[in-house]
Every structure is written in structure tokens, then in C-alpha cells.
Amino acid sequence: SSLFVAGWRPGSGWICNAALAYQFLIRPLLITFGKDAPPLDMGDLMVILGALLGVGGLRTKEKLAGVAAK
């Protein structure tokens, strides 16, 4: 129904997407136009993103196996 449906996982995914958009799209554009744009700590971001992708993969596996709660 809404953009942030079903709790912490989608919210964390949106935050990761916003951080990635800043780091790889917005920040280079700002630097191109002469603005000061500090980098993000990508190490921490990749740990969170990897965990989210792993949890999402396990959830998909459970759904395909028919053992996931509905």
C-alpha cells in the first residue's frame, strides 16, 4: 500500500538506495559543478547492503520451498 511496506527491511533498502544514489550519481554531479561533497563510508554501506540481499535471498528460498509464513 505504501512505499515502506512491511517493516525494517524495505526501510533499510530505501536508505541503502539513497546512499548509493548519492555516492555514485549525486556526488559526482556536485563535484563536476564545483560543489564540496563529502564521500560516504562505502565499507559500512556494503556490509548493510550485503546483509539485506542475503536476507532477501533466504526469504525467496523459503517462499519457493513453501515454508514461509504468509
N, C-alpha and C. Protein backbone atom coordinates (compact mmCIF):
# COMPACT_ATOMS: atom_id res chain seq x y z
N SER A 1 0.81 -1.19 0.00
CA SER A 1 0.00 0.00 0.00
C SER A 1 0.85 1.26 0.00
N SER A 2 1.94 1.24 0.77
CA SER A 2 2.81 2.40 0.80
C SER A 2 4.21 2.00 0.34
N LEU A 3 5.07 2.99 0.20
CA LEU A 3 6.43 2.73 -0.27
C LEU A 3 7.24 1.92 0.73
N PHE A 4 7.01 2.17 2.02
CA PHE A 4 7.77 1.49 3.07
C PHE A 4 6.91 0.41 3.71
N VAL A 5 6.56 -0.59 2.94
CA VAL A 5 5.67 -1.65 3.41
C VAL A 5 6.45 -2.71 4.18
N ALA A 6 5.88 -3.18 5.25
CA ALA A 6 6.31 -4.39 5.96
C ALA A 6 7.55 -4.27 6.82
N GLY A 7 7.85 -3.12 7.35
CA GLY A 7 8.85 -3.07 8.41
C GLY A 7 10.23 -2.59 8.04
N TRP A 8 11.21 -3.17 8.73
CA TRP A 8 12.58 -2.66 8.68
C TRP A 8 13.30 -2.95 7.38
N ARG A 9 13.03 -4.08 6.75
CA ARG A 9 13.78 -4.46 5.55
C ARG A 9 13.58 -3.48 4.39
N PRO A 10 12.35 -3.13 4.04
CA PRO A 10 12.18 -2.14 2.96
C PRO A 10 12.75 -0.77 3.32
N GLY A 11 12.58 -0.37 4.58
CA GLY A 11 13.13 0.92 5.00
C GLY A 11 14.65 0.96 4.88
N SER A 12 15.29 -0.12 5.29
CA SER A 12 16.75 -0.21 5.18
C SER A 12 17.17 -0.23 3.71
N GLY A 13 16.40 -0.90 2.90
CA GLY A 13 16.70 -0.93 1.46
C GLY A 13 16.61 0.45 0.83
N TRP A 14 15.59 1.24 1.22
CA TRP A 14 15.45 2.60 0.70
C TRP A 14 16.61 3.47 1.14
N ILE A 15 17.05 3.30 2.39
CA ILE A 15 18.18 4.08 2.88
C ILE A 15 19.45 3.71 2.11
N CYS A 16 19.67 2.41 1.87
CA CYS A 16 20.83 1.98 1.09
C CYS A 16 20.76 2.53 -0.33
N ASN A 17 19.59 2.49 -0.93
CA ASN A 17 19.44 3.02 -2.29
C ASN A 17 19.71 4.52 -2.34
N ALA A 18 19.25 5.26 -1.34
CA ALA A 18 19.50 6.70 -1.29
C ALA A 18 21.00 6.97 -1.14
N ALA A 19 21.67 6.19 -0.28
CA ALA A 19 23.11 6.37 -0.08
C ALA A 19 23.89 6.03 -1.35
N LEU A 20 23.51 4.97 -2.03
CA LEU A 20 24.18 4.61 -3.28
C LEU A 20 23.94 5.66 -4.36
N ALA A 21 22.72 6.18 -4.42
CA ALA A 21 22.41 7.24 -5.39
C ALA A 21 23.26 8.47 -5.11
N TYR A 22 23.41 8.83 -3.84
CA TYR A 22 24.25 9.98 -3.50
C TYR A 22 25.70 9.71 -3.92
N GLN A 23 26.23 8.56 -3.54
CA GLN A 23 27.65 8.27 -3.75
C GLN A 23 28.01 8.18 -5.22
N PHE A 24 27.14 7.57 -6.03
CA PHE A 24 27.51 7.30 -7.43
C PHE A 24 26.83 8.18 -8.46
N LEU A 25 25.82 8.94 -8.08
CA LEU A 25 25.15 9.84 -9.03
C LEU A 25 25.23 11.30 -8.61
N ILE A 26 24.73 11.59 -7.42
CA ILE A 26 24.62 12.98 -6.98
C ILE A 26 25.98 13.59 -6.67
N ARG A 27 26.80 12.86 -5.91
CA ARG A 27 28.12 13.38 -5.52
C ARG A 27 29.00 13.71 -6.73
N PRO A 28 29.10 12.81 -7.72
CA PRO A 28 29.91 13.18 -8.90
C PRO A 28 29.38 14.42 -9.64
N LEU A 29 28.05 14.55 -9.68
CA LEU A 29 27.49 15.75 -10.32
C LEU A 29 27.83 17.01 -9.53
N LEU A 30 27.73 16.93 -8.21
CA LEU A 30 28.08 18.09 -7.39
C LEU A 30 29.55 18.47 -7.56
N ILE A 31 30.43 17.46 -7.59
CA ILE A 31 31.86 17.73 -7.78
C ILE A 31 32.10 18.34 -9.16
N THR A 32 31.39 17.85 -10.18
CA THR A 32 31.53 18.39 -11.53
C THR A 32 31.20 19.88 -11.57
N PHE A 33 30.21 20.28 -10.78
CA PHE A 33 29.79 21.68 -10.76
C PHE A 33 30.51 22.50 -9.68
N GLY A 34 31.60 21.95 -9.12
CA GLY A 34 32.44 22.69 -8.21
C GLY A 34 31.95 22.77 -6.77
N LYS A 35 31.01 21.93 -6.39
CA LYS A 35 30.50 21.93 -5.02
C LYS A 35 31.29 20.94 -4.17
N ASP A 36 31.36 21.21 -2.87
CA ASP A 36 32.02 20.31 -1.94
C ASP A 36 31.03 19.20 -1.55
N ALA A 37 31.39 17.96 -1.79
CA ALA A 37 30.52 16.82 -1.49
C ALA A 37 31.34 15.73 -0.83
N PRO A 38 31.19 15.56 0.49
CA PRO A 38 31.98 14.54 1.18
C PRO A 38 31.57 13.12 0.78
N PRO A 39 32.53 12.20 0.72
CA PRO A 39 32.19 10.81 0.37
C PRO A 39 31.55 10.08 1.56
N LEU A 40 30.85 9.03 1.26
CA LEU A 40 30.30 8.16 2.30
C LEU A 40 31.28 7.03 2.59
N ASP A 41 31.15 6.42 3.75
CA ASP A 41 31.95 5.25 4.10
C ASP A 41 31.31 4.04 3.43
N MET A 42 31.82 3.66 2.27
CA MET A 42 31.22 2.59 1.49
C MET A 42 31.40 1.22 2.12
N GLY A 43 32.38 1.05 2.99
CA GLY A 43 32.58 -0.23 3.66
C GLY A 43 31.37 -0.59 4.51
N ASP A 44 30.91 0.35 5.32
CA ASP A 44 29.73 0.11 6.16
C ASP A 44 28.49 -0.10 5.30
N LEU A 45 28.35 0.68 4.26
CA LEU A 45 27.18 0.57 3.39
C LEU A 45 27.13 -0.79 2.70
N MET A 46 28.26 -1.30 2.25
CA MET A 46 28.28 -2.59 1.57
C MET A 46 27.96 -3.74 2.52
N VAL A 47 28.36 -3.61 3.79
CA VAL A 47 28.02 -4.64 4.78
C VAL A 47 26.49 -4.70 4.95
N ILE A 48 25.87 -3.54 5.08
CA ILE A 48 24.42 -3.49 5.25
C ILE A 48 23.72 -3.99 4.00
N LEU A 49 24.17 -3.56 2.84
CA LEU A 49 23.56 -4.00 1.58
C LEU A 49 23.71 -5.51 1.39
N GLY A 50 24.88 -6.04 1.70
CA GLY A 50 25.09 -7.49 1.59
C GLY A 50 24.16 -8.27 2.50
N ALA A 51 23.99 -7.77 3.72
CA ALA A 51 23.08 -8.43 4.66
C ALA A 51 21.63 -8.39 4.14
N LEU A 52 21.23 -7.24 3.62
CA LEU A 52 19.87 -7.13 3.07
C LEU A 52 19.65 -8.07 1.90
N LEU A 53 20.62 -8.15 1.01
CA LEU A 53 20.48 -9.05 -0.14
C LEU A 53 20.47 -10.50 0.30
N GLY A 54 21.26 -10.84 1.31
CA GLY A 54 21.27 -12.21 1.82
C GLY A 54 19.95 -12.58 2.46
N VAL A 55 19.41 -11.68 3.28
CA VAL A 55 18.12 -11.93 3.93
C VAL A 55 17.02 -12.05 2.88
N GLY A 56 17.07 -11.19 1.87
CA GLY A 56 16.08 -11.25 0.79
C GLY A 56 16.16 -12.56 0.02
N GLY A 57 17.38 -13.03 -0.21
CA GLY A 57 17.56 -14.30 -0.91
C GLY A 57 17.05 -15.48 -0.11
N LEU A 58 17.29 -15.45 1.19
CA LEU A 58 16.78 -16.54 2.05
C LEU A 58 15.26 -16.52 2.10
N ARG A 59 14.70 -15.34 2.15
CA ARG A 59 13.22 -15.21 2.17
C ARG A 59 12.62 -15.77 0.88
N THR A 60 13.25 -15.48 -0.25
CA THR A 60 12.77 -16.01 -1.52
C THR A 60 12.87 -17.53 -1.54
N LYS A 61 13.97 -18.06 -1.02
CA LYS A 61 14.15 -19.51 -0.97
C LYS A 61 13.05 -20.15 -0.11
N GLU A 62 12.73 -19.54 1.03
CA GLU A 62 11.65 -20.06 1.89
C GLU A 62 10.31 -20.04 1.15
N LYS A 63 10.04 -18.96 0.45
CA LYS A 63 8.76 -18.86 -0.27
C LYS A 63 8.66 -19.93 -1.35
N LEU A 64 9.76 -20.15 -2.08
CA LEU A 64 9.75 -21.15 -3.14
C LEU A 64 9.61 -22.56 -2.58
N ALA A 65 10.16 -22.79 -1.38
CA ALA A 65 10.06 -24.10 -0.76
C ALA A 65 8.72 -24.31 -0.06
N GLY A 66 7.95 -23.22 0.09
CA GLY A 66 6.63 -23.33 0.71
C GLY A 66 6.66 -23.37 2.22
N VAL A 67 7.74 -22.93 2.83
CA VAL A 67 7.82 -22.97 4.29
C VAL A 67 7.71 -21.57 4.92
N ALA A 68 7.60 -20.54 4.11
CA ALA A 68 7.50 -19.18 4.62
C ALA A 68 6.12 -18.92 5.21
N ALA A 69 6.10 -18.17 6.30
CA ALA A 69 4.82 -17.75 6.89
C ALA A 69 4.15 -16.74 5.98
N LYS A 70 2.86 -16.82 5.87
CA LYS A 70 2.15 -15.90 4.96
C LYS A 70 1.64 -14.71 5.68
